[in-house]
């Protein structure tokens, strides 16, 4: 019983010491992540705007090219099908894209400390 109390006191002291380190690591990671996310959001928004413009004018160009032919309505429906396929492709990409966790370093540190504490018990 006394041995368990001694171990728990040591573990408590280690955990208290490490909490300050975790807090500092979290602050640093959030600061770094915040800068990167802001730049990425701006770049993706601009790229999305120009992609929408390009796809829109591609559709208009297809319809205008086929305007004086017998395939005018087929061309318009082809543009609609193209837009639907692009939308489905974008949804598929987003669902299968896995970004790295923003707190990966903190998570790794917590796992490492958990293993050390588990082994010491």
PDB file of N, CA and C in Angstrom:
ATOM      1  N   UNK A   1       0.819  -1.192   0.000  1.00  0.00           N
ATOM      2  CA  UNK A   1       0.000   0.000   0.000  1.00  0.00           C
ATOM      3  C   UNK A   1       0.865   1.259   0.000  1.00  0.00           C
ATOM      4  N   UNK A   2       1.889   1.280   0.874  1.00  0.00           N
ATOM      5  CA  UNK A   2       2.770   2.441   0.923  1.00  0.00           C
ATOM      6  C   UNK A   2       3.558   2.593  -0.377  1.00  0.00           C
ATOM      7  N   UNK A   3       3.925   1.476  -0.970  1.00  0.00           N
ATOM      8  CA  UNK A   3       4.661   1.514  -2.232  1.00  0.00           C
ATOM      9  C   UNK A   3       3.795   2.154  -3.329  1.00  0.00           C
ATOM     10  N   UNK A   4       2.534   1.835  -3.347  1.00  0.00           N
ATOM     11  CA  UNK A   4       1.610   2.396  -4.325  1.00  0.00           C
ATOM     12  C   UNK A   4       1.437   3.895  -4.105  1.00  0.00           C
ATOM     13  N   UNK A   5       1.377   4.313  -2.845  1.00  0.00           N
ATOM     14  CA  UNK A   5       1.259   5.741  -2.548  1.00  0.00           C
ATOM     15  C   UNK A   5       2.505   6.504  -2.986  1.00  0.00           C
ATOM     16  N   UNK A   6       3.665   5.916  -2.766  1.00  0.00           N
ATOM     17  CA  UNK A   6       4.912   6.565  -3.194  1.00  0.00           C
ATOM     18  C   UNK A   6       4.946   6.716  -4.712  1.00  0.00           C
ATOM     19  N   UNK A   7       4.568   5.656  -5.397  1.00  0.00           N
ATOM     20  CA  UNK A   7       4.543   5.709  -6.867  1.00  0.00           C
ATOM     21  C   UNK A   7       3.547   6.757  -7.364  1.00  0.00           C
ATOM     22  N   UNK A   8       2.400   6.823  -6.721  1.00  0.00           N
ATOM     23  CA  UNK A   8       1.386   7.779  -7.168  1.00  0.00           C
ATOM     24  C   UNK A   8       1.851   9.216  -6.907  1.00  0.00           C
ATOM     25  N   UNK A   9       2.578   9.462  -5.818  1.00  0.00           N
ATOM     26  CA  UNK A   9       3.134  10.796  -5.557  1.00  0.00           C
ATOM     27  C   UNK A   9       4.147  11.171  -6.620  1.00  0.00           C
ATOM     28  N   UNK A  10       5.008  10.226  -6.984  1.00  0.00           N
ATOM     29  CA  UNK A  10       6.002  10.486  -8.028  1.00  0.00           C
ATOM     30  C   UNK A  10       5.318  10.770  -9.364  1.00  0.00           C
ATOM     31  N   UNK A  11       4.299   9.976  -9.675  1.00  0.00           N
ATOM     32  CA  UNK A  11       3.578  10.194 -10.921  1.00  0.00           C
ATOM     33  C   UNK A  11       2.866  11.540 -10.927  1.00  0.00           C
ATOM     34  N   UNK A  12       2.319  11.906  -9.781  1.00  0.00           N
ATOM     35  CA  UNK A  12       1.660  13.202  -9.667  1.00  0.00           C
ATOM     36  C   UNK A  12       2.660  14.336  -9.897  1.00  0.00           C
ATOM     37  N   UNK A  13       3.836  14.226  -9.327  1.00  0.00           N
ATOM     38  CA  UNK A  13       4.862  15.259  -9.503  1.00  0.00           C
ATOM     39  C   UNK A  13       5.293  15.341 -10.971  1.00  0.00           C
ATOM     40  N   UNK A  14       5.463  14.194 -11.613  1.00  0.00           N
ATOM     41  CA  UNK A  14       5.843  14.185 -13.031  1.00  0.00           C
ATOM     42  C   UNK A  14       4.743  14.830 -13.875  1.00  0.00           C
ATOM     43  N   UNK A  15       3.502  14.464 -13.614  1.00  0.00           N
ATOM     44  CA  UNK A  15       2.377  15.002 -14.377  1.00  0.00           C
ATOM     45  C   UNK A  15       2.252  16.509 -14.195  1.00  0.00           C
ATOM     46  N   UNK A  16       2.431  16.993 -12.977  1.00  0.00           N
ATOM     47  CA  UNK A  16       2.360  18.430 -12.726  1.00  0.00           C
ATOM     48  C   UNK A  16       3.459  19.175 -13.474  1.00  0.00           C
ATOM     49  N   UNK A  17       4.638  18.601 -13.499  1.00  0.00           N
ATOM     50  CA  UNK A  17       5.754  19.222 -14.216  1.00  0.00           C
ATOM     51  C   UNK A  17       5.489  19.249 -15.718  1.00  0.00           C
ATOM     52  N   UNK A  18       4.916  18.181 -16.243  1.00  0.00           N
ATOM     53  CA  UNK A  18       4.685  18.075 -17.683  1.00  0.00           C
ATOM     54  C   UNK A  18       3.512  18.934 -18.163  1.00  0.00           C
ATOM     55  N   UNK A  19       2.562  19.256 -17.295  1.00  0.00           N
ATOM     56  CA  UNK A  19       1.406  20.059 -17.712  1.00  0.00           C
ATOM     57  C   UNK A  19       1.857  21.425 -18.210  1.00  0.00           C
ATOM     58  N   UNK A  20       2.845  22.021 -17.554  1.00  0.00           N
ATOM     59  CA  UNK A  20       3.364  23.308 -18.010  1.00  0.00           C
ATOM     60  C   UNK A  20       3.967  23.155 -19.412  1.00  0.00           C
ATOM     61  N   UNK A  21       4.689  22.061 -19.634  1.00  0.00           N
ATOM     62  CA  UNK A  21       5.273  21.821 -20.960  1.00  0.00           C
ATOM     63  C   UNK A  21       4.185  21.640 -22.015  1.00  0.00           C
ATOM     64  N   UNK A  22       3.125  20.924 -21.668  1.00  0.00           N
ATOM     65  CA  UNK A  22       2.016  20.709 -22.607  1.00  0.00           C
ATOM     66  C   UNK A  22       1.351  22.035 -22.976  1.00  0.00           C
ATOM     67  N   UNK A  23       1.154  22.865 -21.953  1.00  0.00           N
ATOM     68  CA  UNK A  23       0.508  24.154 -22.188  1.00  0.00           C
ATOM     69  C   UNK A  23       1.345  25.020 -23.135  1.00  0.00           C
ATOM     70  N   UNK A  24       2.636  25.051 -22.920  1.00  0.00           N
ATOM     71  CA  UNK A  24       3.528  25.833 -23.777  1.00  0.00           C
ATOM     72  C   UNK A  24       3.560  25.269 -25.194  1.00  0.00           C
ATOM     73  N   UNK A  25       3.611  23.952 -25.315  1.00  0.00           N
ATOM     74  CA  UNK A  25       3.611  23.306 -26.619  1.00  0.00           C
ATOM     75  C   UNK A  25       2.301  23.576 -27.364  1.00  0.00           C
ATOM     76  N   UNK A  26       1.197  23.542 -26.664  1.00  0.00           N
ATOM     77  CA  UNK A  26      -0.099  23.830 -27.265  1.00  0.00           C
ATOM     78  C   UNK A  26      -0.153  25.268 -27.780  1.00  0.00           C
ATOM     79  N   UNK A  27       0.350  26.195 -27.000  1.00  0.00           N
ATOM     80  CA  UNK A  27       0.359  27.603 -27.405  1.00  0.00           C
ATOM     81  C   UNK A  27       1.180  27.794 -28.673  1.00  0.00           C
ATOM     82  N   UNK A  28       2.358  27.185 -28.726  1.00  0.00           N
ATOM     83  CA  UNK A  28       3.226  27.316 -29.896  1.00  0.00           C
ATOM     84  C   UNK A  28       2.572  26.692 -31.130  1.00  0.00           C
ATOM     85  N   UNK A  29       2.015  25.499 -30.977  1.00  0.00           N
ATOM     86  CA  UNK A  29       1.391  24.829 -32.120  1.00  0.00           C
ATOM     87  C   UNK A  29       0.181  25.601 -32.638  1.00  0.00           C
ATOM     88  N   UNK A  30      -0.608  26.160 -31.750  1.00  0.00           N
ATOM     89  CA  UNK A  30      -1.772  26.933 -32.185  1.00  0.00           C
ATOM     90  C   UNK A  30      -1.332  28.197 -32.932  1.00  0.00           C
ATOM     91  N   UNK A  31      -0.259  28.821 -32.480  1.00  0.00           N
ATOM     92  CA  UNK A  31       0.238  30.021 -33.156  1.00  0.00           C
ATOM     93  C   UNK A  31       0.724  29.677 -34.563  1.00  0.00           C
ATOM     94  N   UNK A  32       1.490  28.608 -34.682  1.00  0.00           N
ATOM     95  CA  UNK A  32       1.984  28.181 -35.991  1.00  0.00           C
ATOM     96  C   UNK A  32       0.839  27.741 -36.890  1.00  0.00           C
ATOM     97  N   UNK A  33      -0.090  27.016 -36.344  1.00  0.00           N
ATOM     98  CA  UNK A  33      -1.221  26.514 -37.135  1.00  0.00           C
ATOM     99  C   UNK A  33      -2.095  27.669 -37.612  1.00  0.00           C
ATOM    100  N   UNK A  34      -2.285  28.675 -36.787  1.00  0.00           N
ATOM    101  CA  UNK A  34      -3.121  29.813 -37.152  1.00  0.00           C
ATOM    102  C   UNK A  34      -2.598  30.565 -38.355  1.00  0.00           C
ATOM    103  N   UNK A  35      -1.302  30.795 -38.416  1.00  0.00           N
ATOM    104  CA  UNK A  35      -0.703  31.489 -39.561  1.00  0.00           C
ATOM    105  C   UNK A  35      -0.884  30.686 -40.841  1.00  0.00           C
ATOM    106  N   UNK A  36      -0.562  29.427 -40.760  1.00  0.00           N
ATOM    107  CA  UNK A  36      -0.648  28.577 -41.943  1.00  0.00           C
ATOM    108  C   UNK A  36      -2.066  28.434 -42.462  1.00  0.00           C
ATOM    109  N   UNK A  37      -3.019  28.322 -41.555  1.00  0.00           N
ATOM    110  CA  UNK A  37      -4.413  28.161 -41.961  1.00  0.00           C
ATOM    111  C   UNK A  37      -4.915  29.427 -42.656  1.00  0.00           C
ATOM    112  N   UNK A  38      -4.554  30.577 -42.160  1.00  0.00           N
ATOM    113  CA  UNK A  38      -4.991  31.832 -42.777  1.00  0.00           C
ATOM    114  C   UNK A  38      -4.510  31.969 -44.212  1.00  0.00           C
ATOM    115  N   UNK A  39      -3.253  31.659 -44.438  1.00  0.00           N
ATOM    116  CA  UNK A  39      -2.696  31.736 -45.791  1.00  0.00           C
ATOM    117  C   UNK A  39      -3.345  30.686 -46.691  1.00  0.00           C
ATOM    118  N   UNK A  40      -3.535  29.484 -46.184  1.00  0.00           N
ATOM    119  CA  UNK A  40      -4.148  28.423 -46.983  1.00  0.00           C
ATOM    120  C   UNK A  40      -5.587  28.761 -47.350  1.00  0.00           C
ATOM    121  N   UNK A  41      -6.352  29.286 -46.417  1.00  0.00           N
ATOM    122  CA  UNK A  41      -7.745  29.625 -46.696  1.00  0.00           C
ATOM    123  C   UNK A  41      -7.822  30.693 -47.783  1.00  0.00           C
ATOM    124  N   UNK A  42      -6.982  31.707 -47.698  1.00  0.00           N
ATOM    125  CA  UNK A  42      -6.986  32.759 -48.713  1.00  0.00           C
ATOM    126  C   UNK A  42      -6.610  32.202 -50.085  1.00  0.00           C
ATOM    127  N   UNK A  43      -5.589  31.365 -50.129  1.00  0.00           N
ATOM    128  CA  UNK A  43      -5.157  30.796 -51.405  1.00  0.00           C
ATOM    129  C   UNK A  43      -6.214  29.869 -51.990  1.00  0.00           C
ATOM    130  N   UNK A  44      -6.821  29.032 -51.157  1.00  0.00           N
ATOM    131  CA  UNK A  44      -7.868  28.127 -51.647  1.00  0.00           C
ATOM    132  C   UNK A  44      -9.102  28.896 -52.107  1.00  0.00           C
ATOM    133  N   UNK A  45      -9.461  29.955 -51.416  1.00  0.00           N
ATOM    134  CA  UNK A  45     -10.623  30.749 -51.821  1.00  0.00           C
ATOM    135  C   UNK A  45     -10.378  31.400 -53.181  1.00  0.00           C
ATOM    136  N   UNK A  46      -9.195  31.940 -53.382  1.00  0.00           N
ATOM    137  CA  UNK A  46      -8.853  32.550 -54.663  1.00  0.00           C
ATOM    138  C   UNK A  46      -8.806  31.508 -55.780  1.00  0.00           C
ATOM    139  N   UNK A  47      -8.222  30.368 -55.503  1.00  0.00           N
ATOM    140  CA  UNK A  47      -8.170  29.296 -56.502  1.00  0.00           C
ATOM    141  C   UNK A  47      -9.576  28.800 -56.837  1.00  0.00           C
ATOM    142  N   UNK A  48     -10.430  28.674 -55.838  1.00  0.00           N
ATOM    143  CA  UNK A  48     -11.806  28.229 -56.076  1.00  0.00           C
ATOM    144  C   UNK A  48     -12.569  29.242 -56.917  1.00  0.00           C
ATOM    145  N   UNK A  49     -12.378  30.521 -56.660  1.00  0.00           N
ATOM    146  CA  UNK A  49     -13.042  31.562 -57.441  1.00  0.00           C
ATOM    147  C   UNK A  49     -12.651  31.468 -58.912  1.00  0.00           C
ATOM    148  N   UNK A  50     -11.350  31.361 -59.181  1.00  0.00           N
ATOM    149  CA  UNK A  50     -10.905  31.291 -60.572  1.00  0.00           C
ATOM    150  C   UNK A  50     -11.294  29.970 -61.233  1.00  0.00           C
ATOM    151  N   UNK A  51     -11.353  28.909 -60.469  1.00  0.00           N
ATOM    152  CA  UNK A  51     -11.803  27.624 -61.025  1.00  0.00           C
ATOM    153  C   UNK A  51     -13.277  27.699 -61.411  1.00  0.00           C
ATOM    154  N   UNK A  52     -14.100  28.318 -60.573  1.00  0.00           N
ATOM    155  CA  UNK A  52     -15.524  28.476 -60.891  1.00  0.00           C
ATOM    156  C   UNK A  52     -15.684  29.342 -62.139  1.00  0.00           C
ATOM    157  N   UNK A  53     -14.912  30.406 -62.231  1.00  0.00           N
ATOM    158  CA  UNK A  53     -14.978  31.263 -63.419  1.00  0.00           C
ATOM    159  C   UNK A  53     -14.576  30.487 -64.678  1.00  0.00           C
ATOM    160  N   UNK A  54     -13.514  29.715 -64.594  1.00  0.00           N
ATOM    161  CA  UNK A  54     -13.043  28.954 -65.748  1.00  0.00           C
ATOM    162  C   UNK A  54     -14.068  27.916 -66.184  1.00  0.00           C
ATOM    163  N   UNK A  55     -14.633  27.201 -65.240  1.00  0.00           N
ATOM    164  CA  UNK A  55     -15.620  26.168 -65.576  1.00  0.00           C
ATOM    165  C   UNK A  55     -16.884  26.808 -66.145  1.00  0.00           C
ATOM    166  N   UNK A  56     -17.297  27.941 -65.609  1.00  0.00           N
ATOM    167  CA  UNK A  56     -18.472  28.640 -66.125  1.00  0.00           C
ATOM    168  C   UNK A  56     -18.259  29.062 -67.575  1.00  0.00           C
ATOM    169  N   UNK A  57     -17.123  29.673 -67.847  1.00  0.00           N
ATOM    170  CA  UNK A  57     -16.867  30.113 -69.209  1.00  0.00           C
ATOM    171  C   UNK A  57     -16.608  28.945 -70.158  1.00  0.00           C
ATOM    172  N   UNK A  58     -16.127  27.838 -69.659  1.00  0.00           N
ATOM    173  CA  UNK A  58     -16.004  26.639 -70.475  1.00  0.00           C
ATOM    174  C   UNK A  58     -17.388  26.172 -70.912  1.00  0.00           C
ATOM    175  N   UNK A  59     -18.328  26.164 -70.000  1.00  0.00           N
ATOM    176  CA  UNK A  59     -19.693  25.781 -70.336  1.00  0.00           C
ATOM    177  C   UNK A  59     -20.317  26.722 -71.351  1.00  0.00           C
ATOM    178  N   UNK A  60     -20.119  28.014 -71.150  1.00  0.00           N
ATOM    179  CA  UNK A  60     -20.645  28.999 -72.106  1.00  0.00           C
ATOM    180  C   UNK A  60     -19.999  28.795 -73.479  1.00  0.00           C
ATOM    181  N   UNK A  61     -18.711  28.546 -73.501  1.00  0.00           N
ATOM    182  CA  UNK A  61     -18.014  28.335 -74.774  1.00  0.00           C
ATOM    183  C   UNK A  61     -18.528  27.103 -75.510  1.00  0.00           C
ATOM    184  N   UNK A  62     -18.814  26.039 -74.779  1.00  0.00           N
ATOM    185  CA  UNK A  62     -19.352  24.828 -75.415  1.00  0.00           C
ATOM    186  C   UNK A  62     -20.717  25.115 -76.013  1.00  0.00           C
ATOM    187  N   UNK A  63     -21.559  25.810 -75.284  1.00  0.00           N
ATOM    188  CA  UNK A  63     -22.900  26.111 -75.778  1.00  0.00           C
ATOM    189  C   UNK A  63     -22.839  27.066 -76.970  1.00  0.00           C
ATOM    190  N   UNK A  64     -22.016  28.091 -76.894  1.00  0.00           N
ATOM    191  CA  UNK A  64     -21.899  29.058 -77.996  1.00  0.00           C
ATOM    192  C   UNK A  64     -21.357  28.376 -79.253  1.00  0.00           C
ATOM    193  N   UNK A  65     -20.408  27.476 -79.073  1.00  0.00           N
ATOM    194  CA  UNK A  65     -19.835  26.774 -80.231  1.00  0.00           C
ATOM    195  C   UNK A  65     -20.898  25.930 -80.930  1.00  0.00           C
ATOM    196  N   UNK A  66     -21.797  25.345 -80.183  1.00  0.00           N
ATOM    197  CA  UNK A  66     -22.819  24.472 -80.766  1.00  0.00           C
ATOM    198  C   UNK A  66     -24.128  25.215 -81.048  1.00  0.00           C
ATOM    199  N   UNK A  67     -24.158  26.528 -80.926  1.00  0.00           N
ATOM    200  CA  UNK A  67     -25.404  27.284 -81.031  1.00  0.00           C
ATOM    201  C   UNK A  67     -26.069  27.154 -82.400  1.00  0.00           C
ATOM    202  N   UNK A  68     -25.292  27.245 -83.455  1.00  0.00           N
ATOM    203  CA  UNK A  68     -25.870  27.221 -84.804  1.00  0.00           C
ATOM    204  C   UNK A  68     -25.946  25.818 -85.385  1.00  0.00           C
ATOM    205  N   UNK A  69     -25.809  24.818 -84.549  1.00  0.00           N
ATOM    206  CA  UNK A  69     -25.888  23.439 -85.029  1.00  0.00           C
ATOM    207  C   UNK A  69     -27.161  22.787 -84.515  1.00  0.00           C
ATOM    208  N   UNK A  70     -27.367  21.583 -84.934  1.00  0.00           N
ATOM    209  CA  UNK A  70     -28.534  20.831 -84.474  1.00  0.00           C
ATOM    210  C   UNK A  70     -28.314  20.267 -83.063  1.00  0.00           C
ATOM    211  N   UNK A  71     -27.101  20.426 -82.525  1.00  0.00           N
ATOM    212  CA  UNK A  71     -26.747  19.837 -81.227  1.00  0.00           C
ATOM    213  C   UNK A  71     -26.772  20.859 -80.085  1.00  0.00           C
ATOM    214  N   UNK A  72     -27.510  21.941 -80.258  1.00  0.00           N
ATOM    215  CA  UNK A  72     -27.539  23.003 -79.259  1.00  0.00           C
ATOM    216  C   UNK A  72     -28.044  22.487 -77.911  1.00  0.00           C
ATOM    217  N   UNK A  73     -29.159  21.809 -77.874  1.00  0.00           N
ATOM    218  CA  UNK A  73     -29.697  21.337 -76.602  1.00  0.00           C
ATOM    219  C   UNK A  73     -28.830  20.243 -76.000  1.00  0.00           C
ATOM    220  N   UNK A  74     -28.256  19.373 -76.860  1.00  0.00           N
ATOM    221  CA  UNK A  74     -27.349  18.337 -76.344  1.00  0.00           C
ATOM    222  C   UNK A  74     -26.110  18.965 -75.704  1.00  0.00           C
ATOM    223  N   UNK A  75     -25.609  20.046 -76.310  1.00  0.00           N
ATOM    224  CA  UNK A  75     -24.437  20.735 -75.759  1.00  0.00           C
ATOM    225  C   UNK A  75     -24.761  21.340 -74.392  1.00  0.00           C
ATOM    226  N   UNK A  76     -25.952  21.916 -74.272  1.00  0.00           N
ATOM    227  CA  UNK A  76     -26.342  22.501 -72.986  1.00  0.00           C
ATOM    228  C   UNK A  76     -26.443  21.418 -71.916  1.00  0.00           C
ATOM    229  N   UNK A  77     -27.021  20.266 -72.256  1.00  0.00           N
ATOM    230  CA  UNK A  77     -27.119  19.178 -71.295  1.00  0.00           C
ATOM    231  C   UNK A  77     -25.755  18.565 -70.997  1.00  0.00           C
ATOM    232  N   UNK A  78     -24.871  18.582 -71.968  1.00  0.00           N
ATOM    233  CA  UNK A  78     -23.502  18.115 -71.743  1.00  0.00           C
ATOM    234  C   UNK A  78     -22.805  19.001 -70.705  1.00  0.00           C
ATOM    235  N   UNK A  79     -23.041  20.289 -70.788  1.00  0.00           N
ATOM    236  CA  UNK A  79     -22.455  21.219 -69.812  1.00  0.00           C
ATOM    237  C   UNK A  79     -23.012  20.937 -68.417  1.00  0.00           C
ATOM    238  N   UNK A  80     -24.304  20.689 -68.333  1.00  0.00           N
ATOM    239  CA  UNK A  80     -24.909  20.359 -67.031  1.00  0.00           C
ATOM    240  C   UNK A  80     -24.285  19.075 -66.471  1.00  0.00           C
ATOM    241  N   UNK A  81     -24.129  18.063 -67.323  1.00  0.00           N
ATOM    242  CA  UNK A  81     -23.515  16.803 -66.885  1.00  0.00           C
ATOM    243  C   UNK A  81     -22.065  17.022 -66.451  1.00  0.00           C
ATOM    244  N   UNK A  82     -21.346  17.877 -67.173  1.00  0.00           N
ATOM    245  CA  UNK A  82     -19.959  18.196 -66.809  1.00  0.00           C
ATOM    246  C   UNK A  82     -19.906  18.820 -65.417  1.00  0.00           C
ATOM    247  N   UNK A  83     -20.812  19.774 -65.154  1.00  0.00           N
ATOM    248  CA  UNK A  83     -20.834  20.426 -63.842  1.00  0.00           C
ATOM    249  C   UNK A  83     -21.170  19.427 -62.732  1.00  0.00           C
ATOM    250  N   UNK A  84     -22.100  18.537 -62.995  1.00  0.00           N
ATOM    251  CA  UNK A  84     -22.449  17.528 -61.991  1.00  0.00           C
ATOM    252  C   UNK A  84     -21.277  16.595 -61.708  1.00  0.00           C
ATOM    253  N   UNK A  85     -20.569  16.178 -62.756  1.00  0.00           N
ATOM    254  CA  UNK A  85     -19.404  15.306 -62.553  1.00  0.00           C
ATOM    255  C   UNK A  85     -18.312  16.024 -61.764  1.00  0.00           C
ATOM    256  N   UNK A  86     -18.109  17.308 -62.053  1.00  0.00           N
ATOM    257  CA  UNK A  86     -17.113  18.069 -61.287  1.00  0.00           C
ATOM    258  C   UNK A  86     -17.523  18.191 -59.821  1.00  0.00           C
ATOM    259  N   UNK A  87     -18.803  18.404 -59.572  1.00  0.00           N
ATOM    260  CA  UNK A  87     -19.281  18.512 -58.185  1.00  0.00           C
ATOM    261  C   UNK A  87     -19.084  17.198 -57.444  1.00  0.00           C
ATOM    262  N   UNK A  88     -19.426  16.085 -58.080  1.00  0.00           N
ATOM    263  CA  UNK A  88     -19.241  14.773 -57.452  1.00  0.00           C
ATOM    264  C   UNK A  88     -17.756  14.501 -57.212  1.00  0.00           C
ATOM    265  N   UNK A  89     -16.918  14.857 -58.176  1.00  0.00           N
ATOM    266  CA  UNK A  89     -15.476  14.676 -58.013  1.00  0.00           C
ATOM    267  C   UNK A  89     -14.926  15.485 -56.850  1.00  0.00           C
ATOM    268  N   UNK A  90     -15.405  16.700 -56.689  1.00  0.00           N
ATOM    269  CA  UNK A  90     -14.956  17.540 -55.571  1.00  0.00           C
ATOM    270  C   UNK A  90     -15.403  16.953 -54.225  1.00  0.00           C
ATOM    271  N   UNK A  91     -16.629  16.474 -54.170  1.00  0.00           N
ATOM    272  CA  UNK A  91     -17.118  15.866 -52.927  1.00  0.00           C
ATOM    273  C   UNK A  91     -16.305  14.619 -52.594  1.00  0.00           C
ATOM    274  N   UNK A  92     -16.016  13.805 -53.605  1.00  0.00           N
ATOM    275  CA  UNK A  92     -15.200  12.601 -53.395  1.00  0.00           C
ATOM    276  C   UNK A  92     -13.818  12.977 -52.875  1.00  0.00           C
ATOM    277  N   UNK A  93     -13.205  13.995 -53.471  1.00  0.00           N
ATOM    278  CA  UNK A  93     -11.873  14.427 -53.046  1.00  0.00           C
ATOM    279  C   UNK A  93     -11.887  14.894 -51.595  1.00  0.00           C
ATOM    280  N   UNK A  94     -12.875  15.697 -51.235  1.00  0.00           N
ATOM    281  CA  UNK A  94     -12.937  16.226 -49.872  1.00  0.00           C
ATOM    282  C   UNK A  94     -13.148  15.107 -48.856  1.00  0.00           C
ATOM    283  N   UNK A  95     -13.979  14.129 -49.190  1.00  0.00           N
ATOM    284  CA  UNK A  95     -14.246  13.033 -48.248  1.00  0.00           C
ATOM    285  C   UNK A  95     -13.032  12.125 -48.065  1.00  0.00           C
ATOM    286  N   UNK A  96     -12.165  12.040 -49.053  1.00  0.00           N
ATOM    287  CA  UNK A  96     -11.024  11.132 -48.969  1.00  0.00           C
ATOM    288  C   UNK A  96      -9.708  11.853 -48.676  1.00  0.00           C
ATOM    289  N   UNK A  97      -9.764  13.135 -48.477  1.00  0.00           N
ATOM    290  CA  UNK A  97      -8.567  13.900 -48.163  1.00  0.00           C
ATOM    291  C   UNK A  97      -8.404  13.937 -46.656  1.00  0.00           C
ATOM    292  N   UNK A  98      -7.247  13.499 -46.172  1.00  0.00           N
ATOM    293  CA  UNK A  98      -6.989  13.478 -44.732  1.00  0.00           C
ATOM    294  C   UNK A  98      -5.836  14.426 -44.434  1.00  0.00           C
ATOM    295  N   UNK A  99      -6.148  15.530 -43.801  1.00  0.00           N
ATOM    296  CA  UNK A  99      -5.114  16.487 -43.405  1.00  0.00           C
ATOM    297  C   UNK A  99      -4.464  16.014 -42.107  1.00  0.00           C
ATOM    298  N   UNK A 100      -3.222  16.391 -41.935  1.00  0.00           N
ATOM    299  CA  UNK A 100      -2.513  16.041 -40.708  1.00  0.00           C
ATOM    300  C   UNK A 100      -3.108  16.829 -39.550  1.00  0.00           C
ATOM    301  N   UNK A 101      -3.177  16.196 -38.418  1.00  0.00           N
ATOM    302  CA  UNK A 101      -3.753  16.832 -37.241  1.00  0.00           C
ATOM    303  C   UNK A 101      -2.946  18.060 -36.846  1.00  0.00           C
ATOM    304  N   UNK A 102      -3.652  19.091 -36.428  1.00  0.00           N
ATOM    305  CA  UNK A 102      -2.994  20.329 -36.026  1.00  0.00           C
ATOM    306  C   UNK A 102      -2.197  20.153 -34.736  1.00  0.00           C
ATOM    307  N   UNK A 103      -2.569  19.190 -33.945  1.00  0.00           N
ATOM    308  CA  UNK A 103      -1.925  19.001 -32.647  1.00  0.00           C
ATOM    309  C   UNK A 103      -1.119  17.706 -32.618  1.00  0.00           C
ATOM    310  N   UNK A 104      -0.486  17.353 -33.717  1.00  0.00           N
ATOM    311  CA  UNK A 104       0.208  16.067 -33.789  1.00  0.00           C
ATOM    312  C   UNK A 104       1.376  15.971 -32.811  1.00  0.00           C
ATOM    313  N   UNK A 105       2.130  17.044 -32.632  1.00  0.00           N
ATOM    314  CA  UNK A 105       3.260  17.005 -31.707  1.00  0.00           C
ATOM    315  C   UNK A 105       2.784  16.826 -30.272  1.00  0.00           C
ATOM    316  N   UNK A 106       1.754  17.568 -29.911  1.00  0.00           N
ATOM    317  CA  UNK A 106       1.203  17.437 -28.556  1.00  0.00           C
ATOM    318  C   UNK A 106       0.638  16.036 -28.341  1.00  0.00           C
ATOM    319  N   UNK A 107      -0.029  15.509 -29.342  1.00  0.00           N
ATOM    320  CA  UNK A 107      -0.590  14.162 -29.243  1.00  0.00           C
ATOM    321  C   UNK A 107       0.518  13.132 -29.055  1.00  0.00           C
ATOM    322  N   UNK A 108       1.603  13.268 -29.811  1.00  0.00           N
ATOM    323  CA  UNK A 108       2.738  12.345 -29.687  1.00  0.00           C
ATOM    324  C   UNK A 108       3.371  12.427 -28.301  1.00  0.00           C
ATOM    325  N   UNK A 109       3.495  13.627 -27.775  1.00  0.00           N
ATOM    326  CA  UNK A 109       4.068  13.801 -26.433  1.00  0.00           C
ATOM    327  C   UNK A 109       3.183  13.155 -25.370  1.00  0.00           C
ATOM    328  N   UNK A 110       1.881  13.361 -25.490  1.00  0.00           N
ATOM    329  CA  UNK A 110       0.969  12.754 -24.527  1.00  0.00           C
ATOM    330  C   UNK A 110       1.018  11.228 -24.586  1.00  0.00           C
ATOM    331  N   UNK A 111       1.096  10.670 -25.783  1.00  0.00           N
ATOM    332  CA  UNK A 111       1.183   9.219 -25.921  1.00  0.00           C
ATOM    333  C   UNK A 111       2.488   8.690 -25.335  1.00  0.00           C
ATOM    334  N   UNK A 112       3.572   9.391 -25.595  1.00  0.00           N
ATOM    335  CA  UNK A 112       4.865   8.963 -25.054  1.00  0.00           C
ATOM    336  C   UNK A 112       4.864   8.997 -23.526  1.00  0.00           C
ATOM    337  N   UNK A 113       4.331  10.080 -22.955  1.00  0.00           N
ATOM    338  CA  UNK A 113       4.270  10.174 -21.497  1.00  0.00           C
ATOM    339  C   UNK A 113       3.330   9.132 -20.905  1.00  0.00           C
ATOM    340  N   UNK A 114       2.254   8.841 -21.606  1.00  0.00           N
ATOM    341  CA  UNK A 114       1.330   7.804 -21.134  1.00  0.00           C
ATOM    342  C   UNK A 114       2.040   6.447 -21.068  1.00  0.00           C
ATOM    343  N   UNK A 115       2.836   6.153 -22.080  1.00  0.00           N
ATOM    344  CA  UNK A 115       3.586   4.883 -22.083  1.00  0.00           C
ATOM    345  C   UNK A 115       4.569   4.820 -20.922  1.00  0.00           C
ATOM    346  N   UNK A 116       5.253   5.941 -20.668  1.00  0.00           N
ATOM    347  CA  UNK A 116       6.214   5.989 -19.566  1.00  0.00           C
ATOM    348  C   UNK A 116       5.495   5.794 -18.241  1.00  0.00           C
ATOM    349  N   UNK A 117       4.366   6.471 -18.058  1.00  0.00           N
ATOM    350  CA  UNK A 117       3.623   6.325 -16.805  1.00  0.00           C
ATOM    351  C   UNK A 117       3.081   4.891 -16.652  1.00  0.00           C
ATOM    352  N   UNK A 118       2.636   4.332 -17.731  1.00  0.00           N
ATOM    353  CA  UNK A 118       2.097   2.961 -17.688  1.00  0.00           C
ATOM    354  C   UNK A 118       3.205   1.964 -17.313  1.00  0.00           C
ATOM    355  N   UNK A 119       4.396   2.162 -17.853  1.00  0.00           N
ATOM    356  CA  UNK A 119       5.512   1.267 -17.546  1.00  0.00           C
ATOM    357  C   UNK A 119       5.977   1.443 -16.097  1.00  0.00           C
ATOM    358  N   UNK A 120       5.875   2.656 -15.572  1.00  0.00           N
ATOM    359  CA  UNK A 120       6.343   2.877 -14.202  1.00  0.00           C
ATOM    360  C   UNK A 120       5.387   2.307 -13.162  1.00  0.00           C
ATOM    361  N   UNK A 121       4.167   2.074 -13.542  1.00  0.00           N
ATOM    362  CA  UNK A 121       3.232   1.438 -12.616  1.00  0.00           C
ATOM    363  C   UNK A 121       3.432  -0.038 -12.681  1.00  0.00           C
TER     364      UNK A 121
END
